[in-house]
Amino acid sequence: MSLEFYGIPNCDTVKKARKWLEGQGLDYAFHDYKKEGADAARLEKWVAEAGWEKVLNRAGTTFRKLPEEDKADLDAAKAVRIMVANPSCIKRPIVEHSGGILVGFKQPEWESALG
């Protein structure tokens, strides 16, 4: 199974998820948002599949520091623009696998999808 793993290396949740994948013997390609950024087409695909409400990390410091006008009247297109400009606003990790995507790390969900 080919896995594409998106995140930020120093994020604690990303570290837990990577450790879990390695413990399962699952290989993955890691994409670092900080170094590689995030392209709009991929974000649009994720938003279409999982919903912008799940993909956009509104609990993080980066999102909370945005100007109020950026946070107001959110929709899918605006959420994608925010995430392209601020990759730290993307929920992490996101894993693309043959059955779809996983957003965030919830071990039972990952076991079900990847086990």
N, C-alpha and C. Protein backbone atom coordinates (compact mmCIF):
# COMPACT_ATOMS: atom_id res chain seq x y z
N MET A 1 0.86 -1.19 0.00
CA MET A 1 0.00 0.00 0.00
C MET A 1 0.89 1.24 0.00
N SER A 2 0.62 2.14 -0.90
CA SER A 2 1.39 3.38 -1.00
C SER A 2 0.71 4.47 -0.19
N LEU A 3 1.46 5.06 0.72
CA LEU A 3 0.92 6.12 1.58
C LEU A 3 1.67 7.42 1.34
N GLU A 4 0.90 8.49 1.24
CA GLU A 4 1.47 9.84 1.16
C GLU A 4 1.08 10.53 2.46
N PHE A 5 2.07 10.94 3.23
CA PHE A 5 1.86 11.49 4.58
C PHE A 5 2.22 12.97 4.56
N TYR A 6 1.29 13.82 4.96
CA TYR A 6 1.48 15.27 4.94
C TYR A 6 1.43 15.80 6.37
N GLY A 7 2.41 16.64 6.71
CA GLY A 7 2.43 17.21 8.04
C GLY A 7 3.63 18.11 8.26
N ILE A 8 3.89 18.36 9.54
CA ILE A 8 5.02 19.18 9.97
C ILE A 8 5.82 18.32 10.94
N PRO A 9 7.12 18.14 10.71
CA PRO A 9 7.90 17.17 11.47
C PRO A 9 7.89 17.36 12.99
N ASN A 10 7.84 18.60 13.46
CA ASN A 10 7.92 18.80 14.91
C ASN A 10 6.56 18.77 15.61
N CYS A 11 5.48 18.50 14.90
CA CYS A 11 4.15 18.40 15.49
C CYS A 11 4.04 17.09 16.27
N ASP A 12 3.59 17.15 17.53
CA ASP A 12 3.50 15.95 18.36
C ASP A 12 2.57 14.90 17.76
N THR A 13 1.46 15.32 17.19
CA THR A 13 0.52 14.37 16.60
C THR A 13 1.14 13.70 15.38
N VAL A 14 1.87 14.45 14.58
CA VAL A 14 2.58 13.88 13.43
C VAL A 14 3.60 12.86 13.91
N LYS A 15 4.32 13.18 14.97
CA LYS A 15 5.32 12.24 15.51
C LYS A 15 4.65 10.94 15.95
N LYS A 16 3.51 11.04 16.64
CA LYS A 16 2.78 9.84 17.09
C LYS A 16 2.32 9.01 15.90
N ALA A 17 1.79 9.69 14.89
CA ALA A 17 1.29 8.98 13.71
C ALA A 17 2.42 8.29 12.96
N ARG A 18 3.54 8.96 12.81
CA ARG A 18 4.68 8.36 12.12
C ARG A 18 5.19 7.15 12.89
N LYS A 19 5.25 7.27 14.19
CA LYS A 19 5.70 6.15 15.03
C LYS A 19 4.75 4.97 14.87
N TRP A 20 3.44 5.25 14.83
CA TRP A 20 2.46 4.18 14.66
C TRP A 20 2.65 3.50 13.31
N LEU A 21 2.78 4.28 12.23
CA LEU A 21 2.98 3.71 10.89
C LEU A 21 4.23 2.83 10.86
N GLU A 22 5.31 3.32 11.43
CA GLU A 22 6.56 2.56 11.45
C GLU A 22 6.40 1.28 12.26
N GLY A 23 5.65 1.35 13.37
CA GLY A 23 5.38 0.17 14.19
C GLY A 23 4.56 -0.88 13.46
N GLN A 24 3.76 -0.42 12.49
CA GLN A 24 2.96 -1.34 11.68
C GLN A 24 3.73 -1.84 10.45
N GLY A 25 4.94 -1.33 10.26
CA GLY A 25 5.73 -1.71 9.11
C GLY A 25 5.22 -1.11 7.80
N LEU A 26 4.52 0.01 7.89
CA LEU A 26 3.96 0.66 6.70
C LEU A 26 4.90 1.74 6.19
N ASP A 27 5.24 1.66 4.92
CA ASP A 27 6.10 2.67 4.29
C ASP A 27 5.25 3.85 3.84
N TYR A 28 5.85 5.01 3.87
CA TYR A 28 5.14 6.22 3.45
C TYR A 28 6.14 7.24 2.94
N ALA A 29 5.63 8.14 2.10
CA ALA A 29 6.42 9.29 1.65
C ALA A 29 5.96 10.48 2.49
N PHE A 30 6.91 11.18 3.10
CA PHE A 30 6.57 12.30 3.97
C PHE A 30 6.70 13.63 3.21
N HIS A 31 5.66 14.44 3.30
CA HIS A 31 5.65 15.77 2.69
C HIS A 31 5.55 16.81 3.81
N ASP A 32 6.55 17.63 3.90
CA ASP A 32 6.65 18.65 4.95
C ASP A 32 6.00 19.95 4.45
N TYR A 33 4.87 20.34 5.07
CA TYR A 33 4.19 21.58 4.69
C TYR A 33 5.11 22.79 4.79
N LYS A 34 5.96 22.82 5.80
CA LYS A 34 6.81 23.98 6.02
C LYS A 34 7.82 24.16 4.89
N LYS A 35 8.36 23.06 4.39
CA LYS A 35 9.37 23.13 3.34
C LYS A 35 8.76 23.11 1.94
N GLU A 36 7.73 22.28 1.76
CA GLU A 36 7.18 22.07 0.43
C GLU A 36 5.90 22.86 0.15
N GLY A 37 5.33 23.44 1.20
CA GLY A 37 4.06 24.15 1.03
C GLY A 37 2.92 23.18 0.75
N ALA A 38 1.81 23.73 0.35
CA ALA A 38 0.64 22.91 0.05
C ALA A 38 -0.02 23.50 -1.19
N ASP A 39 -0.28 22.64 -2.17
CA ASP A 39 -0.84 23.19 -3.40
C ASP A 39 -2.37 23.19 -3.34
N ALA A 40 -2.94 24.18 -3.99
CA ALA A 40 -4.38 24.40 -3.95
C ALA A 40 -5.16 23.21 -4.48
N ALA A 41 -4.69 22.60 -5.55
CA ALA A 41 -5.43 21.48 -6.14
C ALA A 41 -5.56 20.31 -5.16
N ARG A 42 -4.48 20.00 -4.46
CA ARG A 42 -4.53 18.92 -3.48
C ARG A 42 -5.47 19.29 -2.33
N LEU A 43 -5.37 20.51 -1.84
CA LEU A 43 -6.26 20.96 -0.76
C LEU A 43 -7.72 20.92 -1.20
N GLU A 44 -8.00 21.32 -2.43
CA GLU A 44 -9.37 21.27 -2.93
C GLU A 44 -9.88 19.83 -2.95
N LYS A 45 -9.02 18.90 -3.33
CA LYS A 45 -9.40 17.48 -3.34
C LYS A 45 -9.72 17.01 -1.92
N TRP A 46 -8.86 17.35 -0.97
CA TRP A 46 -9.10 16.95 0.42
C TRP A 46 -10.39 17.54 0.96
N VAL A 47 -10.60 18.82 0.67
CA VAL A 47 -11.81 19.50 1.13
C VAL A 47 -13.05 18.85 0.51
N ALA A 48 -12.98 18.47 -0.76
CA ALA A 48 -14.10 17.80 -1.42
C ALA A 48 -14.39 16.45 -0.76
N GLU A 49 -13.34 15.76 -0.33
CA GLU A 49 -13.51 14.44 0.25
C GLU A 49 -13.90 14.48 1.72
N ALA A 50 -13.26 15.36 2.50
CA ALA A 50 -13.46 15.34 3.95
C ALA A 50 -14.22 16.54 4.48
N GLY A 51 -14.35 17.61 3.69
CA GLY A 51 -15.00 18.84 4.16
C GLY A 51 -13.98 19.82 4.69
N TRP A 52 -14.16 21.09 4.35
CA TRP A 52 -13.19 22.10 4.80
C TRP A 52 -13.17 22.21 6.31
N GLU A 53 -14.30 21.93 6.95
CA GLU A 53 -14.38 22.03 8.40
C GLU A 53 -13.42 21.07 9.09
N LYS A 54 -13.17 19.92 8.45
CA LYS A 54 -12.26 18.92 9.03
C LYS A 54 -10.81 19.19 8.64
N VAL A 55 -10.59 19.69 7.43
CA VAL A 55 -9.21 19.89 6.93
C VAL A 55 -8.58 21.16 7.49
N LEU A 56 -9.36 22.20 7.70
CA LEU A 56 -8.85 23.46 8.24
C LEU A 56 -8.70 23.35 9.75
N ASN A 57 -7.50 23.60 10.24
CA ASN A 57 -7.22 23.55 11.67
C ASN A 57 -7.52 24.92 12.30
N ARG A 58 -8.75 25.05 12.79
CA ARG A 58 -9.17 26.32 13.39
C ARG A 58 -8.75 26.45 14.85
N ALA A 59 -8.24 25.36 15.44
CA ALA A 59 -7.84 25.40 16.85
C ALA A 59 -6.40 25.87 17.04
N GLY A 60 -5.63 25.90 15.97
CA GLY A 60 -4.22 26.23 16.08
C GLY A 60 -3.94 27.72 16.24
N THR A 61 -2.75 28.01 16.73
CA THR A 61 -2.31 29.38 16.95
C THR A 61 -2.32 30.19 15.66
N THR A 62 -1.85 29.60 14.57
CA THR A 62 -1.75 30.33 13.31
C THR A 62 -3.13 30.84 12.87
N PHE A 63 -4.13 29.97 12.93
CA PHE A 63 -5.48 30.38 12.53
C PHE A 63 -6.01 31.45 13.47
N ARG A 64 -5.82 31.26 14.76
CA ARG A 64 -6.35 32.22 15.75
C ARG A 64 -5.73 33.60 15.59
N LYS A 65 -4.51 33.68 15.06
CA LYS A 65 -3.83 34.96 14.89
C LYS A 65 -4.20 35.66 13.59
N LEU A 66 -4.95 35.00 12.72
CA LEU A 66 -5.35 35.63 11.47
C LEU A 66 -6.27 36.81 11.75
N PRO A 67 -6.30 37.79 10.86
CA PRO A 67 -7.23 38.92 11.02
C PRO A 67 -8.68 38.40 11.02
N GLU A 68 -9.53 39.06 11.76
CA GLU A 68 -10.93 38.64 11.88
C GLU A 68 -11.61 38.52 10.51
N GLU A 69 -11.28 39.42 9.58
CA GLU A 69 -11.93 39.35 8.27
C GLU A 69 -11.55 38.06 7.52
N ASP A 70 -10.36 37.53 7.78
CA ASP A 70 -9.97 36.26 7.16
C ASP A 70 -10.77 35.10 7.75
N LYS A 71 -11.09 35.18 9.03
CA LYS A 71 -11.79 34.09 9.71
C LYS A 71 -13.31 34.16 9.54
N ALA A 72 -13.81 35.30 9.08
CA ALA A 72 -15.26 35.49 8.93
C ALA A 72 -15.75 34.88 7.61
N ASP A 73 -16.99 34.45 7.61
CA ASP A 73 -17.66 33.96 6.39
C ASP A 73 -16.85 32.87 5.68
N LEU A 74 -16.39 31.90 6.44
CA LEU A 74 -15.61 30.82 5.85
C LEU A 74 -16.46 29.93 4.96
N ASP A 75 -15.88 29.52 3.86
CA ASP A 75 -16.45 28.49 3.00
C ASP A 75 -15.28 27.69 2.44
N ALA A 76 -15.55 26.72 1.59
CA ALA A 76 -14.49 25.85 1.09
C ALA A 76 -13.40 26.63 0.35
N ALA A 77 -13.79 27.52 -0.54
CA ALA A 77 -12.80 28.27 -1.32
C ALA A 77 -11.93 29.15 -0.42
N LYS A 78 -12.54 29.82 0.54
CA LYS A 78 -11.78 30.69 1.45
C LYS A 78 -10.86 29.85 2.34
N ALA A 79 -11.34 28.70 2.79
CA ALA A 79 -10.52 27.82 3.62
C ALA A 79 -9.29 27.35 2.85
N VAL A 80 -9.46 26.99 1.58
CA VAL A 80 -8.32 26.58 0.75
C VAL A 80 -7.32 27.72 0.61
N ARG A 81 -7.80 28.93 0.36
CA ARG A 81 -6.89 30.08 0.24
C ARG A 81 -6.10 30.29 1.53
N ILE A 82 -6.76 30.18 2.67
CA ILE A 82 -6.08 30.33 3.96
C ILE A 82 -5.00 29.26 4.13
N MET A 83 -5.32 28.00 3.78
CA MET A 83 -4.37 26.91 3.96
C MET A 83 -3.19 27.00 3.00
N VAL A 84 -3.42 27.47 1.78
CA VAL A 84 -2.31 27.66 0.83
C VAL A 84 -1.36 28.73 1.38
N ALA A 85 -1.91 29.82 1.89
CA ALA A 85 -1.10 30.93 2.40
C ALA A 85 -0.47 30.60 3.76
N ASN A 86 -1.12 29.73 4.53
CA ASN A 86 -0.68 29.40 5.89
C ASN A 86 -0.74 27.89 6.08
N PRO A 87 0.25 27.13 5.61
CA PRO A 87 0.18 25.67 5.72
C PRO A 87 0.01 25.16 7.15
N SER A 88 0.37 25.95 8.15
CA SER A 88 0.16 25.53 9.54
C SER A 88 -1.32 25.47 9.89
N CYS A 89 -2.16 26.01 9.03
CA CYS A 89 -3.61 25.95 9.25
C CYS A 89 -4.24 24.66 8.71
N ILE A 90 -3.41 23.77 8.17
CA ILE A 90 -3.92 22.49 7.69
C ILE A 90 -3.88 21.50 8.84
N LYS A 91 -4.98 20.81 9.07
CA LYS A 91 -5.03 19.77 10.10
C LYS A 91 -3.92 18.77 9.80
N ARG A 92 -3.29 18.26 10.85
CA ARG A 92 -2.22 17.30 10.64
C ARG A 92 -2.37 16.11 11.55
N PRO A 93 -1.86 15.02 11.06
CA PRO A 93 -1.41 14.77 9.71
C PRO A 93 -2.59 14.48 8.77
N ILE A 94 -2.29 14.48 7.49
CA ILE A 94 -3.23 13.98 6.49
C ILE A 94 -2.49 12.89 5.72
N VAL A 95 -3.14 11.74 5.60
CA VAL A 95 -2.55 10.61 4.88
C VAL A 95 -3.47 10.23 3.73
N GLU A 96 -2.90 10.20 2.54
CA GLU A 96 -3.60 9.68 1.37
C GLU A 96 -3.25 8.21 1.25
N HIS A 97 -4.28 7.37 1.10
CA HIS A 97 -4.08 5.94 0.92
C HIS A 97 -5.04 5.45 -0.15
N SER A 98 -4.96 4.19 -0.50
CA SER A 98 -5.75 3.66 -1.61
C SER A 98 -7.25 3.81 -1.39
N GLY A 99 -7.69 3.90 -0.14
CA GLY A 99 -9.12 4.00 0.15
C GLY A 99 -9.61 5.42 0.39
N GLY A 100 -8.73 6.42 0.29
CA GLY A 100 -9.13 7.80 0.53
C GLY A 100 -8.11 8.55 1.34
N ILE A 101 -8.59 9.37 2.29
CA ILE A 101 -7.68 10.14 3.14
C ILE A 101 -8.05 9.97 4.61
N LEU A 102 -7.05 10.13 5.44
CA LEU A 102 -7.23 10.19 6.90
C LEU A 102 -6.80 11.58 7.33
N VAL A 103 -7.64 12.23 8.13
CA VAL A 103 -7.35 13.59 8.60
C VAL A 103 -7.20 13.54 10.11
N GLY A 104 -6.03 13.93 10.60
CA GLY A 104 -5.75 13.83 12.03
C GLY A 104 -5.37 12.40 12.36
N PHE A 105 -4.87 12.18 13.57
CA PHE A 105 -4.47 10.83 13.97
C PHE A 105 -5.39 10.32 15.06
N LYS A 106 -6.24 9.38 14.68
CA LYS A 106 -7.07 8.63 15.62
C LYS A 106 -6.76 7.17 15.35
N GLN A 107 -6.04 6.55 16.28
CA GLN A 107 -5.51 5.20 16.05
C GLN A 107 -6.57 4.20 15.60
N PRO A 108 -7.75 4.12 16.22
CA PRO A 108 -8.75 3.14 15.76
C PRO A 108 -9.16 3.36 14.29
N GLU A 109 -9.28 4.61 13.91
CA GLU A 109 -9.62 4.95 12.52
C GLU A 109 -8.50 4.49 11.58
N TRP A 110 -7.26 4.75 11.97
CA TRP A 110 -6.12 4.36 11.15
C TRP A 110 -6.01 2.83 11.06
N GLU A 111 -6.24 2.13 12.17
CA GLU A 111 -6.19 0.67 12.15
C GLU A 111 -7.22 0.11 11.19
N SER A 112 -8.41 0.68 11.22
CA SER A 112 -9.48 0.24 10.34
C SER A 112 -9.14 0.48 8.87
N ALA A 113 -8.59 1.65 8.57
CA ALA A 113 -8.29 2.02 7.18
C ALA A 113 -7.03 1.37 6.64
N LEU A 114 -6.03 1.19 7.50
CA LEU A 114 -4.72 0.77 7.02
C LEU A 114 -4.31 -0.62 7.52
N GLY A 115 -5.07 -1.18 8.45
CA GLY A 115 -4.68 -2.43 9.09
C GLY A 115 -4.81 -3.66 8.31
